[in-house]
Amino acid sequence: MTYTSMLEEELQNFIYSSADVQGAILVSPDGLAIASVLPTEMDKERTAAMSASMLSLGEQIGRELVRGNIDRIFVEGEKGYGVLVGCGEEAVLLVLASTTIKQGLLFLEIKRAVAKITSLLG
């Protein structure tokens, strides 16, 4: 099994463990997709580039507002949530979820997924 397929399998397991998680993508800090399981209507390369940009901008905002290190960036829209979290220095994880998910449960599931993904990246 290749490195990328192991990461994609981990993303699939994460998504299938919750009916309210709709997709996920693992992105390098320079905006390249490492592994993804996204809804078919989403462009993987564009999503990867935006995720890396969003994290970079969020970190700059955190510094300017003197908030310290950013744990997550949370986007709430009428159709659901986007949560962006770092996976060590090597990757960023974007998770897409429906509005029906409980936010506390989503954050807990993301924390568990990040731990598994980080161990695979290390």
PDB file of N, CA and C in Angstrom:
ATOM      1  N   MET A   1       0.852  -1.177   0.000  1.00  0.00           N
ATOM      2  CA  MET A   1       0.000   0.000   0.000  1.00  0.00           C
ATOM      3  C   MET A   1       0.896   1.239   0.000  1.00  0.00           C
ATOM      4  N   THR A   2       0.602   2.195  -0.861  1.00  0.00           N
ATOM      5  CA  THR A   2       1.417   3.397  -0.951  1.00  0.00           C
ATOM      6  C   THR A   2       1.091   4.365   0.179  1.00  0.00           C
ATOM      7  N   TYR A   3       2.011   5.286   0.370  1.00  0.00           N
ATOM      8  CA  TYR A   3       1.869   6.322   1.389  1.00  0.00           C
ATOM      9  C   TYR A   3       0.569   7.106   1.184  1.00  0.00           C
ATOM     10  N   THR A   4       0.318   7.557  -0.052  1.00  0.00           N
ATOM     11  CA  THR A   4      -0.884   8.330  -0.359  1.00  0.00           C
ATOM     12  C   THR A   4      -2.140   7.505  -0.139  1.00  0.00           C
ATOM     13  N   SER A   5      -2.125   6.244  -0.538  1.00  0.00           N
ATOM     14  CA  SER A   5      -3.321   5.420  -0.364  1.00  0.00           C
ATOM     15  C   SER A   5      -3.596   5.150   1.119  1.00  0.00           C
ATOM     16  N   MET A   6      -2.546   5.060   1.935  1.00  0.00           N
ATOM     17  CA  MET A   6      -2.755   4.903   3.386  1.00  0.00           C
ATOM     18  C   MET A   6      -3.420   6.152   3.963  1.00  0.00           C
ATOM     19  N   LEU A   7      -2.983   7.317   3.523  1.00  0.00           N
ATOM     20  CA  LEU A   7      -3.582   8.563   3.999  1.00  0.00           C
ATOM     21  C   LEU A   7      -5.027   8.698   3.512  1.00  0.00           C
ATOM     22  N   GLU A   8      -5.276   8.351   2.259  1.00  0.00           N
ATOM     23  CA  GLU A   8      -6.648   8.403   1.736  1.00  0.00           C
ATOM     24  C   GLU A   8      -7.559   7.412   2.456  1.00  0.00           C
ATOM     25  N   GLU A   9      -7.031   6.247   2.780  1.00  0.00           N
ATOM     26  CA  GLU A   9      -7.820   5.270   3.537  1.00  0.00           C
ATOM     27  C   GLU A   9      -8.177   5.824   4.915  1.00  0.00           C
ATOM     28  N   GLU A  10      -7.241   6.500   5.550  1.00  0.00           N
ATOM     29  CA  GLU A  10      -7.510   7.106   6.859  1.00  0.00           C
ATOM     30  C   GLU A  10      -8.583   8.191   6.744  1.00  0.00           C
ATOM     31  N   LEU A  11      -8.513   9.000   5.682  1.00  0.00           N
ATOM     32  CA  LEU A  11      -9.546  10.019   5.457  1.00  0.00           C
ATOM     33  C   LEU A  11     -10.904   9.366   5.213  1.00  0.00           C
ATOM     34  N   GLN A  12     -10.942   8.288   4.426  1.00  0.00           N
ATOM     35  CA  GLN A  12     -12.199   7.584   4.177  1.00  0.00           C
ATOM     36  C   GLN A  12     -12.780   7.021   5.469  1.00  0.00           C
ATOM     37  N   ASN A  13     -11.946   6.419   6.296  1.00  0.00           N
ATOM     38  CA  ASN A  13     -12.410   5.884   7.576  1.00  0.00           C
ATOM     39  C   ASN A  13     -12.986   6.998   8.441  1.00  0.00           C
ATOM     40  N   PHE A  14     -12.325   8.142   8.441  1.00  0.00           N
ATOM     41  CA  PHE A  14     -12.798   9.290   9.218  1.00  0.00           C
ATOM     42  C   PHE A  14     -14.167   9.750   8.712  1.00  0.00           C
ATOM     43  N   ILE A  15     -14.315   9.875   7.413  1.00  0.00           N
ATOM     44  CA  ILE A  15     -15.573  10.356   6.831  1.00  0.00           C
ATOM     45  C   ILE A  15     -16.697   9.351   7.055  1.00  0.00           C
ATOM     46  N   TYR A  16     -16.408   8.077   6.852  1.00  0.00           N
ATOM     47  CA  TYR A  16     -17.451   7.061   6.987  1.00  0.00           C
ATOM     48  C   TYR A  16     -17.856   6.812   8.437  1.00  0.00           C
ATOM     49  N   SER A  17     -17.038   7.255   9.386  1.00  0.00           N
ATOM     50  CA  SER A  17     -17.381   7.059  10.796  1.00  0.00           C
ATOM     51  C   SER A  17     -18.472   8.022  11.260  1.00  0.00           C
ATOM     52  N   SER A  18     -18.741   9.053  10.490  1.00  0.00           N
ATOM     53  CA  SER A  18     -19.782  10.008  10.850  1.00  0.00           C
ATOM     54  C   SER A  18     -20.589  10.380   9.614  1.00  0.00           C
ATOM     55  N   ALA A  19     -21.880  10.223   9.690  1.00  0.00           N
ATOM     56  CA  ALA A  19     -22.750  10.547   8.556  1.00  0.00           C
ATOM     57  C   ALA A  19     -22.744  12.037   8.253  1.00  0.00           C
ATOM     58  N   ASP A  20     -22.365  12.850   9.204  1.00  0.00           N
ATOM     59  CA  ASP A  20     -22.404  14.301   9.026  1.00  0.00           C
ATOM     60  C   ASP A  20     -21.113  14.891   8.486  1.00  0.00           C
ATOM     61  N   VAL A  21     -20.043  14.094   8.401  1.00  0.00           N
ATOM     62  CA  VAL A  21     -18.797  14.552   7.785  1.00  0.00           C
ATOM     63  C   VAL A  21     -18.902  14.240   6.298  1.00  0.00           C
ATOM     64  N   GLN A  22     -18.741  15.266   5.480  1.00  0.00           N
ATOM     65  CA  GLN A  22     -18.998  15.134   4.047  1.00  0.00           C
ATOM     66  C   GLN A  22     -17.752  15.011   3.188  1.00  0.00           C
ATOM     67  N   GLY A  23     -16.601  15.387   3.729  1.00  0.00           N
ATOM     68  CA  GLY A  23     -15.384  15.308   2.942  1.00  0.00           C
ATOM     69  C   GLY A  23     -14.192  15.787   3.742  1.00  0.00           C
ATOM     70  N   ALA A  24     -13.008  15.486   3.221  1.00  0.00           N
ATOM     71  CA  ALA A  24     -11.773  15.916   3.871  1.00  0.00           C
ATOM     72  C   ALA A  24     -10.651  15.923   2.839  1.00  0.00           C
ATOM     73  N   ILE A  25      -9.702  16.821   3.060  1.00  0.00           N
ATOM     74  CA  ILE A  25      -8.532  16.884   2.201  1.00  0.00           C
ATOM     75  C   ILE A  25      -7.321  17.208   3.056  1.00  0.00           C
ATOM     76  N   LEU A  26      -6.234  16.525   2.787  1.00  0.00           N
ATOM     77  CA  LEU A  26      -4.961  16.746   3.454  1.00  0.00           C
ATOM     78  C   LEU A  26      -4.075  17.486   2.462  1.00  0.00           C
ATOM     79  N   VAL A  27      -3.528  18.612   2.911  1.00  0.00           N
ATOM     80  CA  VAL A  27      -2.843  19.539   2.022  1.00  0.00           C
ATOM     81  C   VAL A  27      -1.453  19.846   2.558  1.00  0.00           C
ATOM     82  N   SER A  28      -0.482  19.985   1.661  1.00  0.00           N
ATOM     83  CA  SER A  28       0.854  20.413   2.068  1.00  0.00           C
ATOM     84  C   SER A  28       0.813  21.919   2.367  1.00  0.00           C
ATOM     85  N   PRO A  29       1.764  22.420   3.157  1.00  0.00           N
ATOM     86  CA  PRO A  29       1.765  23.858   3.480  1.00  0.00           C
ATOM     87  C   PRO A  29       1.852  24.764   2.248  1.00  0.00           C
ATOM     88  N   ASP A  30       2.383  24.251   1.142  1.00  0.00           N
ATOM     89  CA  ASP A  30       2.453  25.067  -0.063  1.00  0.00           C
ATOM     90  C   ASP A  30       1.231  24.905  -0.969  1.00  0.00           C
ATOM     91  N   GLY A  31       0.199  24.221  -0.493  1.00  0.00           N
ATOM     92  CA  GLY A  31      -1.077  24.179  -1.196  1.00  0.00           C
ATOM     93  C   GLY A  31      -1.286  23.044  -2.174  1.00  0.00           C
ATOM     94  N   LEU A  32      -0.533  21.962  -2.043  1.00  0.00           N
ATOM     95  CA  LEU A  32      -0.717  20.804  -2.906  1.00  0.00           C
ATOM     96  C   LEU A  32      -1.483  19.710  -2.170  1.00  0.00           C
ATOM     97  N   ALA A  33      -2.416  19.081  -2.867  1.00  0.00           N
ATOM     98  CA  ALA A  33      -3.204  18.006  -2.262  1.00  0.00           C
ATOM     99  C   ALA A  33      -2.324  16.788  -2.031  1.00  0.00           C
ATOM    100  N   ILE A  34      -2.344  16.272  -0.811  1.00  0.00           N
ATOM    101  CA  ILE A  34      -1.613  15.052  -0.470  1.00  0.00           C
ATOM    102  C   ILE A  34      -2.550  13.854  -0.597  1.00  0.00           C
ATOM    103  N   ALA A  35      -3.751  13.995  -0.050  1.00  0.00           N
ATOM    104  CA  ALA A  35      -4.776  12.949  -0.105  1.00  0.00           C
ATOM    105  C   ALA A  35      -6.127  13.640   0.065  1.00  0.00           C
ATOM    106  N   SER A  36      -7.146  13.099  -0.586  1.00  0.00           N
ATOM    107  CA  SER A  36      -8.454  13.734  -0.452  1.00  0.00           C
ATOM    108  C   SER A  36      -9.587  12.751  -0.675  1.00  0.00           C
ATOM    109  N   VAL A  37     -10.678  13.043  -0.001  1.00  0.00           N
ATOM    110  CA  VAL A  37     -11.956  12.375  -0.209  1.00  0.00           C
ATOM    111  C   VAL A  37     -12.986  13.507  -0.138  1.00  0.00           C
ATOM    112  N   LEU A  38     -13.238  14.089  -1.301  1.00  0.00           N
ATOM    113  CA  LEU A  38     -14.107  15.261  -1.380  1.00  0.00           C
ATOM    114  C   LEU A  38     -15.371  14.954  -2.167  1.00  0.00           C
ATOM    115  N   PRO A  39     -16.424  15.740  -1.937  1.00  0.00           N
ATOM    116  CA  PRO A  39     -17.612  15.612  -2.791  1.00  0.00           C
ATOM    117  C   PRO A  39     -17.212  15.836  -4.256  1.00  0.00           C
ATOM    118  N   THR A  40     -17.884  15.173  -5.173  1.00  0.00           N
ATOM    119  CA  THR A  40     -17.498  15.187  -6.584  1.00  0.00           C
ATOM    120  C   THR A  40     -17.512  16.580  -7.205  1.00  0.00           C
ATOM    121  N   GLU A  41     -18.340  17.467  -6.696  1.00  0.00           N
ATOM    122  CA  GLU A  41     -18.436  18.802  -7.297  1.00  0.00           C
ATOM    123  C   GLU A  41     -17.287  19.733  -6.887  1.00  0.00           C
ATOM    124  N   MET A  42     -16.420  19.286  -6.006  1.00  0.00           N
ATOM    125  CA  MET A  42     -15.325  20.133  -5.535  1.00  0.00           C
ATOM    126  C   MET A  42     -14.045  19.836  -6.319  1.00  0.00           C
ATOM    127  N   ASP A  43     -13.325  20.893  -6.676  1.00  0.00           N
ATOM    128  CA  ASP A  43     -12.054  20.774  -7.371  1.00  0.00           C
ATOM    129  C   ASP A  43     -10.937  20.594  -6.344  1.00  0.00           C
ATOM    130  N   LYS A  44     -10.250  19.465  -6.409  1.00  0.00           N
ATOM    131  CA  LYS A  44      -9.227  19.112  -5.420  1.00  0.00           C
ATOM    132  C   LYS A  44      -8.084  20.128  -5.381  1.00  0.00           C
ATOM    133  N   GLU A  45      -7.555  20.510  -6.529  1.00  0.00           N
ATOM    134  CA  GLU A  45      -6.412  21.427  -6.560  1.00  0.00           C
ATOM    135  C   GLU A  45      -6.781  22.811  -6.035  1.00  0.00           C
ATOM    136  N   ARG A  46      -7.934  23.298  -6.435  1.00  0.00           N
ATOM    137  CA  ARG A  46      -8.392  24.619  -5.968  1.00  0.00           C
ATOM    138  C   ARG A  46      -8.646  24.599  -4.460  1.00  0.00           C
ATOM    139  N   THR A  47      -9.273  23.547  -3.972  1.00  0.00           N
ATOM    140  CA  THR A  47      -9.545  23.411  -2.543  1.00  0.00           C
ATOM    141  C   THR A  47      -8.243  23.343  -1.748  1.00  0.00           C
ATOM    142  N   ALA A  48      -7.268  22.622  -2.274  1.00  0.00           N
ATOM    143  CA  ALA A  48      -5.966  22.508  -1.602  1.00  0.00           C
ATOM    144  C   ALA A  48      -5.289  23.866  -1.511  1.00  0.00           C
ATOM    145  N   ALA A  49      -5.265  24.599  -2.604  1.00  0.00           N
ATOM    146  CA  ALA A  49      -4.617  25.910  -2.612  1.00  0.00           C
ATOM    147  C   ALA A  49      -5.313  26.882  -1.656  1.00  0.00           C
ATOM    148  N   MET A  50      -6.642  26.882  -1.649  1.00  0.00           N
ATOM    149  CA  MET A  50      -7.382  27.772  -0.753  1.00  0.00           C
ATOM    150  C   MET A  50      -7.169  27.394   0.709  1.00  0.00           C
ATOM    151  N   SER A  51      -7.078  26.112   0.991  1.00  0.00           N
ATOM    152  CA  SER A  51      -6.874  25.666   2.375  1.00  0.00           C
ATOM    153  C   SER A  51      -5.544  26.161   2.925  1.00  0.00           C
ATOM    154  N   ALA A  52      -4.485  26.025   2.142  1.00  0.00           N
ATOM    155  CA  ALA A  52      -3.171  26.489   2.583  1.00  0.00           C
ATOM    156  C   ALA A  52      -3.172  28.007   2.760  1.00  0.00           C
ATOM    157  N   SER A  53      -3.811  28.721   1.849  1.00  0.00           N
ATOM    158  CA  SER A  53      -3.897  30.180   1.956  1.00  0.00           C
ATOM    159  C   SER A  53      -4.691  30.602   3.191  1.00  0.00           C
ATOM    160  N   MET A  54      -5.783  29.893   3.432  1.00  0.00           N
ATOM    161  CA  MET A  54      -6.633  30.209   4.577  1.00  0.00           C
ATOM    162  C   MET A  54      -5.878  30.004   5.885  1.00  0.00           C
ATOM    163  N   LEU A  55      -5.111  28.929   5.986  1.00  0.00           N
ATOM    164  CA  LEU A  55      -4.335  28.691   7.202  1.00  0.00           C
ATOM    165  C   LEU A  55      -3.272  29.772   7.382  1.00  0.00           C
ATOM    166  N   SER A  56      -2.592  30.118   6.324  1.00  0.00           N
ATOM    167  CA  SER A  56      -1.560  31.147   6.397  1.00  0.00           C
ATOM    168  C   SER A  56      -2.155  32.481   6.842  1.00  0.00           C
ATOM    169  N   LEU A  57      -3.266  32.860   6.250  1.00  0.00           N
ATOM    170  CA  LEU A  57      -3.939  34.103   6.622  1.00  0.00           C
ATOM    171  C   LEU A  57      -4.445  34.040   8.065  1.00  0.00           C
ATOM    172  N   GLY A  58      -5.007  32.915   8.461  1.00  0.00           N
ATOM    173  CA  GLY A  58      -5.480  32.746   9.838  1.00  0.00           C
ATOM    174  C   GLY A  58      -4.356  32.892  10.849  1.00  0.00           C
ATOM    175  N   GLU A  59      -3.184  32.331  10.524  1.00  0.00           N
ATOM    176  CA  GLU A  59      -2.034  32.466  11.422  1.00  0.00           C
ATOM    177  C   GLU A  59      -1.580  33.911  11.529  1.00  0.00           C
ATOM    178  N   GLN A  60      -1.612  34.641  10.422  1.00  0.00           N
ATOM    179  CA  GLN A  60      -1.247  36.056  10.443  1.00  0.00           C
ATOM    180  C   GLN A  60      -2.234  36.853  11.290  1.00  0.00           C
ATOM    181  N   ILE A  61      -3.510  36.564  11.133  1.00  0.00           N
ATOM    182  CA  ILE A  61      -4.541  37.243  11.924  1.00  0.00           C
ATOM    183  C   ILE A  61      -4.347  36.937  13.402  1.00  0.00           C
ATOM    184  N   GLY A  62      -4.063  35.677  13.724  1.00  0.00           N
ATOM    185  CA  GLY A  62      -3.821  35.295  15.118  1.00  0.00           C
ATOM    186  C   GLY A  62      -2.671  36.071  15.731  1.00  0.00           C
ATOM    187  N   ARG A  63      -1.595  36.254  14.967  1.00  0.00           N
ATOM    188  CA  ARG A  63      -0.452  37.030  15.470  1.00  0.00           C
ATOM    189  C   ARG A  63      -0.828  38.501  15.662  1.00  0.00           C
ATOM    190  N   GLU A  64      -1.516  39.073  14.672  1.00  0.00           N
ATOM    191  CA  GLU A  64      -1.890  40.486  14.746  1.00  0.00           C
ATOM    192  C   GLU A  64      -2.849  40.759  15.909  1.00  0.00           C
ATOM    193  N   LEU A  65      -3.713  39.825  16.174  1.00  0.00           N
ATOM    194  CA  LEU A  65      -4.688  39.993  17.265  1.00  0.00           C
ATOM    195  C   LEU A  65      -4.150  39.488  18.597  1.00  0.00           C
ATOM    196  N   VAL A  66      -2.900  39.074  18.611  1.00  0.00           N
ATOM    197  CA  VAL A  66      -2.213  38.573  19.800  1.00  0.00           C
ATOM    198  C   VAL A  66      -3.029  37.440  20.444  1.00  0.00           C
ATOM    199  N   ARG A  67      -3.391  36.455  19.621  1.00  0.00           N
ATOM    200  CA  ARG A  67      -4.159  35.306  20.094  1.00  0.00           C
ATOM    201  C   ARG A  67      -3.310  34.058  20.243  1.00  0.00           C
ATOM    202  N   GLY A  68      -2.043  34.144  19.936  1.00  0.00           N
ATOM    203  CA  GLY A  68      -1.174  32.976  20.045  1.00  0.00           C
ATOM    204  C   GLY A  68      -1.329  32.059  18.849  1.00  0.00           C
ATOM    205  N   ASN A  69      -0.890  30.818  19.016  1.00  0.00           N
ATOM    206  CA  ASN A  69      -0.986  29.835  17.935  1.00  0.00           C
ATOM    207  C   ASN A  69      -2.441  29.490  17.653  1.00  0.00           C
ATOM    208  N   ILE A  70      -2.754  29.333  16.401  1.00  0.00           N
ATOM    209  CA  ILE A  70      -4.123  29.010  15.975  1.00  0.00           C
ATOM    210  C   ILE A  70      -4.332  27.493  16.066  1.00  0.00           C
ATOM    211  N   ASP A  71      -5.371  27.072  16.771  1.00  0.00           N
ATOM    212  CA  ASP A  71      -5.714  25.647  16.867  1.00  0.00           C
ATOM    213  C   ASP A  71      -6.501  25.186  15.657  1.00  0.00           C
ATOM    214  N   ARG A  72      -7.458  26.024  15.238  1.00  0.00           N
ATOM    215  CA  ARG A  72      -8.313  25.662  14.111  1.00  0.00           C
ATOM    216  C   ARG A  72      -8.908  26.930  13.526  1.00  0.00           C
ATOM    217  N   ILE A  73      -9.275  26.819  12.267  1.00  0.00           N
ATOM    218  CA  ILE A  73     -10.022  27.881  11.604  1.00  0.00           C
ATOM    219  C   ILE A  73     -11.368  27.274  11.249  1.00  0.00           C
ATOM    220  N   PHE A  74     -12.414  27.961  11.639  1.00  0.00           N
ATOM    221  CA  PHE A  74     -13.765  27.435  11.525  1.00  0.00           C
ATOM    222  C   PHE A  74     -14.579  28.350  10.614  1.00  0.00           C
ATOM    223  N   VAL A  75     -15.158  27.784   9.562  1.00  0.00           N
ATOM    224  CA  VAL A  75     -16.012  28.531   8.648  1.00  0.00           C
ATOM    225  C   VAL A  75     -17.412  27.944   8.754  1.00  0.00           C
ATOM    226  N   GLU A  76     -18.383  28.804   9.032  1.00  0.00           N
ATOM    227  CA  GLU A  76     -19.770  28.358   9.142  1.00  0.00           C
ATOM    228  C   GLU A  76     -20.583  29.004   8.033  1.00  0.00           C
ATOM    229  N   GLY A  77     -21.237  28.176   7.245  1.00  0.00           N
ATOM    230  CA  GLY A  77     -22.096  28.664   6.171  1.00  0.00           C
ATOM    231  C   GLY A  77     -23.473  28.056   6.293  1.00  0.00           C
ATOM    232  N   GLU A  78     -24.377  28.503   5.461  1.00  0.00           N
ATOM    233  CA  GLU A  78     -25.752  27.994   5.537  1.00  0.00           C
ATOM    234  C   GLU A  78     -25.855  26.517   5.183  1.00  0.00           C
ATOM    235  N   LYS A  79     -24.861  25.984   4.465  1.00  0.00           N
ATOM    236  CA  LYS A  79     -24.899  24.577   4.059  1.00  0.00           C
ATOM    237  C   LYS A  79     -23.960  23.691   4.864  1.00  0.00           C
ATOM    238  N   GLY A  80     -23.247  24.273   5.814  1.00  0.00           N
ATOM    239  CA  GLY A  80     -22.371  23.436   6.628  1.00  0.00           C
ATOM    240  C   GLY A  80     -21.127  24.149   7.110  1.00  0.00           C
ATOM    241  N   TYR A  81     -20.192  23.345   7.593  1.00  0.00           N
ATOM    242  CA  TYR A  81     -18.980  23.857   8.215  1.00  0.00           C
ATOM    243  C   TYR A  81     -17.743  23.406   7.442  1.00  0.00           C
ATOM    244  N   GLY A  82     -16.724  24.223   7.542  1.00  0.00           N
ATOM    245  CA  GLY A  82     -15.387  23.868   7.092  1.00  0.00           C
ATOM    246  C   GLY A  82     -14.451  24.107   8.248  1.00  0.00           C
ATOM    247  N   VAL A  83     -13.678  23.110   8.627  1.00  0.00           N
ATOM    248  CA  VAL A  83     -12.753  23.231   9.749  1.00  0.00           C
ATOM    249  C   VAL A  83     -11.357  22.901   9.242  1.00  0.00           C
ATOM    250  N   LEU A  84     -10.446  23.812   9.482  1.00  0.00           N
ATOM    251  CA  LEU A  84      -9.071  23.662   9.024  1.00  0.00           C
ATOM    252  C   LEU A  84      -8.168  23.546  10.241  1.00  0.00           C
ATOM    253  N   VAL A  85      -7.364  22.485  10.282  1.00  0.00           N
ATOM    254  CA  VAL A  85      -6.444  22.258  11.403  1.00  0.00           C
ATOM    255  C   VAL A  85      -5.086  21.814  10.861  1.00  0.00           C
ATOM    256  N   GLY A  86      -4.052  22.145  11.593  1.00  0.00           N
ATOM    257  CA  GLY A  86      -2.719  21.706  11.217  1.00  0.00           C
ATOM    258  C   GLY A  86      -2.478  20.264  11.633  1.00  0.00           C
ATOM    259  N   CYS A  87      -1.695  19.562  10.831  1.00  0.00           N
ATOM    260  CA  CYS A  87      -1.249  18.193  11.146  1.00  0.00           C
ATOM    261  C   CYS A  87       0.267  18.238  11.223  1.00  0.00           C
ATOM    262  N   GLY A  88       0.786  18.844  12.266  1.00  0.00           N
ATOM    263  CA  GLY A  88       2.219  19.026  12.391  1.00  0.00           C
ATOM    264  C   GLY A  88       2.688  20.096  11.420  1.00  0.00           C
ATOM    265  N   GLU A  89       3.954  20.037  11.071  1.00  0.00           N
ATOM    266  CA  GLU A  89       4.532  21.008  10.147  1.00  0.00           C
ATOM    267  C   GLU A  89       4.325  20.612   8.687  1.00  0.00           C
ATOM    268  N   GLU A  90       3.898  19.378   8.466  1.00  0.00           N
ATOM    269  CA  GLU A  90       3.893  18.831   7.115  1.00  0.00           C
ATOM    270  C   GLU A  90       2.570  18.904   6.379  1.00  0.00           C
ATOM    271  N   ALA A  91       1.477  19.167   7.078  1.00  0.00           N
ATOM    272  CA  ALA A  91       0.184  19.103   6.403  1.00  0.00           C
ATOM    273  C   ALA A  91      -0.891  19.890   7.141  1.00  0.00           C
ATOM    274  N   VAL A  92      -1.948  20.168   6.398  1.00  0.00           N
ATOM    275  CA  VAL A  92      -3.137  20.845   6.901  1.00  0.00           C
ATOM    276  C   VAL A  92      -4.326  19.972   6.521  1.00  0.00           C
ATOM    277  N   LEU A  93      -5.268  19.828   7.438  1.00  0.00           N
ATOM    278  CA  LEU A  93      -6.457  19.030   7.179  1.00  0.00           C
ATOM    279  C   LEU A  93      -7.672  19.953   7.125  1.00  0.00           C
ATOM    280  N   LEU A  94      -8.414  19.873   6.028  1.00  0.00           N
ATOM    281  CA  LEU A  94      -9.694  20.566   5.901  1.00  0.00           C
ATOM    282  C   LEU A  94     -10.794  19.519   5.977  1.00  0.00           C
ATOM    283  N   VAL A  95     -11.748  19.736   6.876  1.00  0.00           N
ATOM    284  CA  VAL A  95     -12.879  18.828   7.048  1.00  0.00           C
ATOM    285  C   VAL A  95     -14.157  19.579   6.722  1.00  0.00           C
ATOM    286  N   LEU A  96     -15.021  18.969   5.934  1.00  0.00           N
ATOM    287  CA  LEU A  96     -16.323  19.533   5.587  1.00  0.00           C
ATOM    288  C   LEU A  96     -17.404  18.737   6.298  1.00  0.00           C
ATOM    289  N   ALA A  97     -18.331  19.444   6.946  1.00  0.00           N
ATOM    290  CA  ALA A  97     -19.387  18.766   7.699  1.00  0.00           C
ATOM    291  C   ALA A  97     -20.716  19.492   7.510  1.00  0.00           C
ATOM    292  N   SER A  98     -21.790  18.752   7.675  1.00  0.00           N
ATOM    293  CA  SER A  98     -23.132  19.339   7.546  1.00  0.00           C
ATOM    294  C   SER A  98     -23.485  20.113   8.811  1.00  0.00           C
ATOM    295  N   THR A  99     -24.518  20.925   8.713  1.00  0.00           N
ATOM    296  CA  THR A  99     -24.945  21.741   9.853  1.00  0.00           C
ATOM    297  C   THR A  99     -25.585  20.905  10.959  1.00  0.00           C
ATOM    298  N   THR A 100     -25.921  19.652  10.672  1.00  0.00           N
ATOM    299  CA  THR A 100     -26.580  18.823  11.682  1.00  0.00           C
ATOM    300  C   THR A 100     -25.602  18.225  12.694  1.00  0.00           C
ATOM    301  N   ILE A 101     -24.317  18.311  12.418  1.00  0.00           N
ATOM    302  CA  ILE A 101     -23.341  17.729  13.339  1.00  0.00           C
ATOM    303  C   ILE A 101     -23.200  18.600  14.589  1.00  0.00           C
ATOM    304  N   LYS A 102     -22.971  17.977  15.688  1.00  0.00           N
ATOM    305  CA  LYS A 102     -22.684  18.697  16.935  1.00  0.00           C
ATOM    306  C   LYS A 102     -21.227  19.158  16.874  1.00  0.00           C
ATOM    307  N   GLN A 103     -20.989  20.436  17.079  1.00  0.00           N
ATOM    308  CA  GLN A 103     -19.646  20.984  16.924  1.00  0.00           C
ATOM    309  C   GLN A 103     -18.637  20.348  17.868  1.00  0.00           C
ATOM    310  N   GLY A 104     -19.016  20.102  19.097  1.00  0.00           N
ATOM    311  CA  GLY A 104     -18.100  19.467  20.046  1.00  0.00           C
ATOM    312  C   GLY A 104     -17.677  18.085  19.579  1.00  0.00           C
ATOM    313  N   LEU A 105     -18.631  17.328  19.067  1.00  0.00           N
ATOM    314  CA  LEU A 105     -18.330  15.991  18.533  1.00  0.00           C
ATOM    315  C   LEU A 105     -17.431  16.096  17.304  1.00  0.00           C
ATOM    316  N   LEU A 106     -17.704  17.058  16.444  1.00  0.00           N
ATOM    317  CA  LEU A 106     -16.879  17.260  15.255  1.00  0.00           C
ATOM    318  C   LEU A 106     -15.437  17.561  15.649  1.00  0.00           C
ATOM    319  N   PHE A 107     -15.246  18.463  16.597  1.00  0.00           N
ATOM    320  CA  PHE A 107     -13.887  18.817  17.025  1.00  0.00           C
ATOM    321  C   PHE A 107     -13.171  17.622  17.646  1.00  0.00           C
ATOM    322  N   LEU A 108     -13.892  16.812  18.406  1.00  0.00           N
ATOM    323  CA  LEU A 108     -13.308  15.607  18.997  1.00  0.00           C
ATOM    324  C   LEU A 108     -12.893  14.612  17.907  1.00  0.00           C
ATOM    325  N   GLU A 109     -13.760  14.397  16.929  1.00  0.00           N
ATOM    326  CA  GLU A 109     -13.449  13.476  15.836  1.00  0.00           C
ATOM    327  C   GLU A 109     -12.263  13.978  15.020  1.00  0.00           C
ATOM    328  N   ILE A 110     -12.197  15.281  14.800  1.00  0.00           N
ATOM    329  CA  ILE A 110     -11.069  15.857  14.064  1.00  0.00           C
ATOM    330  C   ILE A 110      -9.779  15.660  14.848  1.00  0.00           C
ATOM    331  N   LYS A 111      -9.824  15.871  16.149  1.00  0.00           N
ATOM    332  CA  LYS A 111      -8.628  15.690  16.982  1.00  0.00           C
ATOM    333  C   LYS A 111      -8.103  14.255  16.876  1.00  0.00           C
ATOM    334  N   ARG A 112      -9.008  13.285  16.905  1.00  0.00           N
ATOM    335  CA  ARG A 112      -8.610  11.872  16.771  1.00  0.00           C
ATOM    336  C   ARG A 112      -8.030  11.598  15.394  1.00  0.00           C
ATOM    337  N   ALA A 113      -8.659  12.149  14.364  1.00  0.00           N
ATOM    338  CA  ALA A 113      -8.170  11.936  12.997  1.00  0.00           C
ATOM    339  C   ALA A 113      -6.800  12.561  12.813  1.00  0.00           C
ATOM    340  N   VAL A 114      -6.602  13.747  13.367  1.00  0.00           N
ATOM    341  CA  VAL A 114      -5.310  14.419  13.250  1.00  0.00           C
ATOM    342  C   VAL A 114      -4.212  13.582  13.916  1.00  0.00           C
ATOM    343  N   ALA A 115      -4.501  12.989  15.048  1.00  0.00           N
ATOM    344  CA  ALA A 115      -3.513  12.148  15.735  1.00  0.00           C
ATOM    345  C   ALA A 115      -3.104  10.968  14.851  1.00  0.00           C
ATOM    346  N   LYS A 116      -4.080  10.328  14.207  1.00  0.00           N
ATOM    347  CA  LYS A 116      -3.780   9.187  13.330  1.00  0.00           C
ATOM    348  C   LYS A 116      -3.006   9.630  12.103  1.00  0.00           C
ATOM    349  N   ILE A 117      -3.440  10.722  11.491  1.00  0.00           N
ATOM    350  CA  ILE A 117      -2.777  11.224  10.285  1.00  0.00           C
ATOM    351  C   ILE A 117      -1.356  11.678  10.588  1.00  0.00           C
ATOM    352  N   THR A 118      -1.173  12.365  11.705  1.00  0.00           N
ATOM    353  CA  THR A 118       0.160  12.838  12.089  1.00  0.00           C
ATOM    354  C   THR A 118       1.113  11.671  12.291  1.00  0.00           C
ATOM    355  N   SER A 119       0.601  10.571  12.873  1.00  0.00           N
ATOM    356  CA  SER A 119       1.474   9.395  13.052  1.00  0.00           C
ATOM    357  C   SER A 119       1.868   8.778  11.708  1.00  0.00           C
ATOM    358  N   LEU A 120       0.966   8.835  10.725  1.00  0.00           N
ATOM    359  CA  LEU A 120       1.288   8.323   9.396  1.00  0.00           C
ATOM    360  C   LEU A 120       2.286   9.251   8.677  1.00  0.00           C
ATOM    361  N   LEU A 121       2.171  10.536   8.916  1.00  0.00           N
ATOM    362  CA  LEU A 121       3.072  11.509   8.287  1.00  0.00           C
ATOM    363  C   LEU A 121       4.475  11.449   8.872  1.00  0.00           C
ATOM    364  N   GLY A 122       4.551  11.101  10.166  1.00  0.00           N
ATOM    365  CA  GLY A 122       5.833  11.088  10.874  1.00  0.00           C
ATOM    366  C   GLY A 122       6.679   9.971  10.462  1.00  0.00           C
TER     367      GLY A 122
END
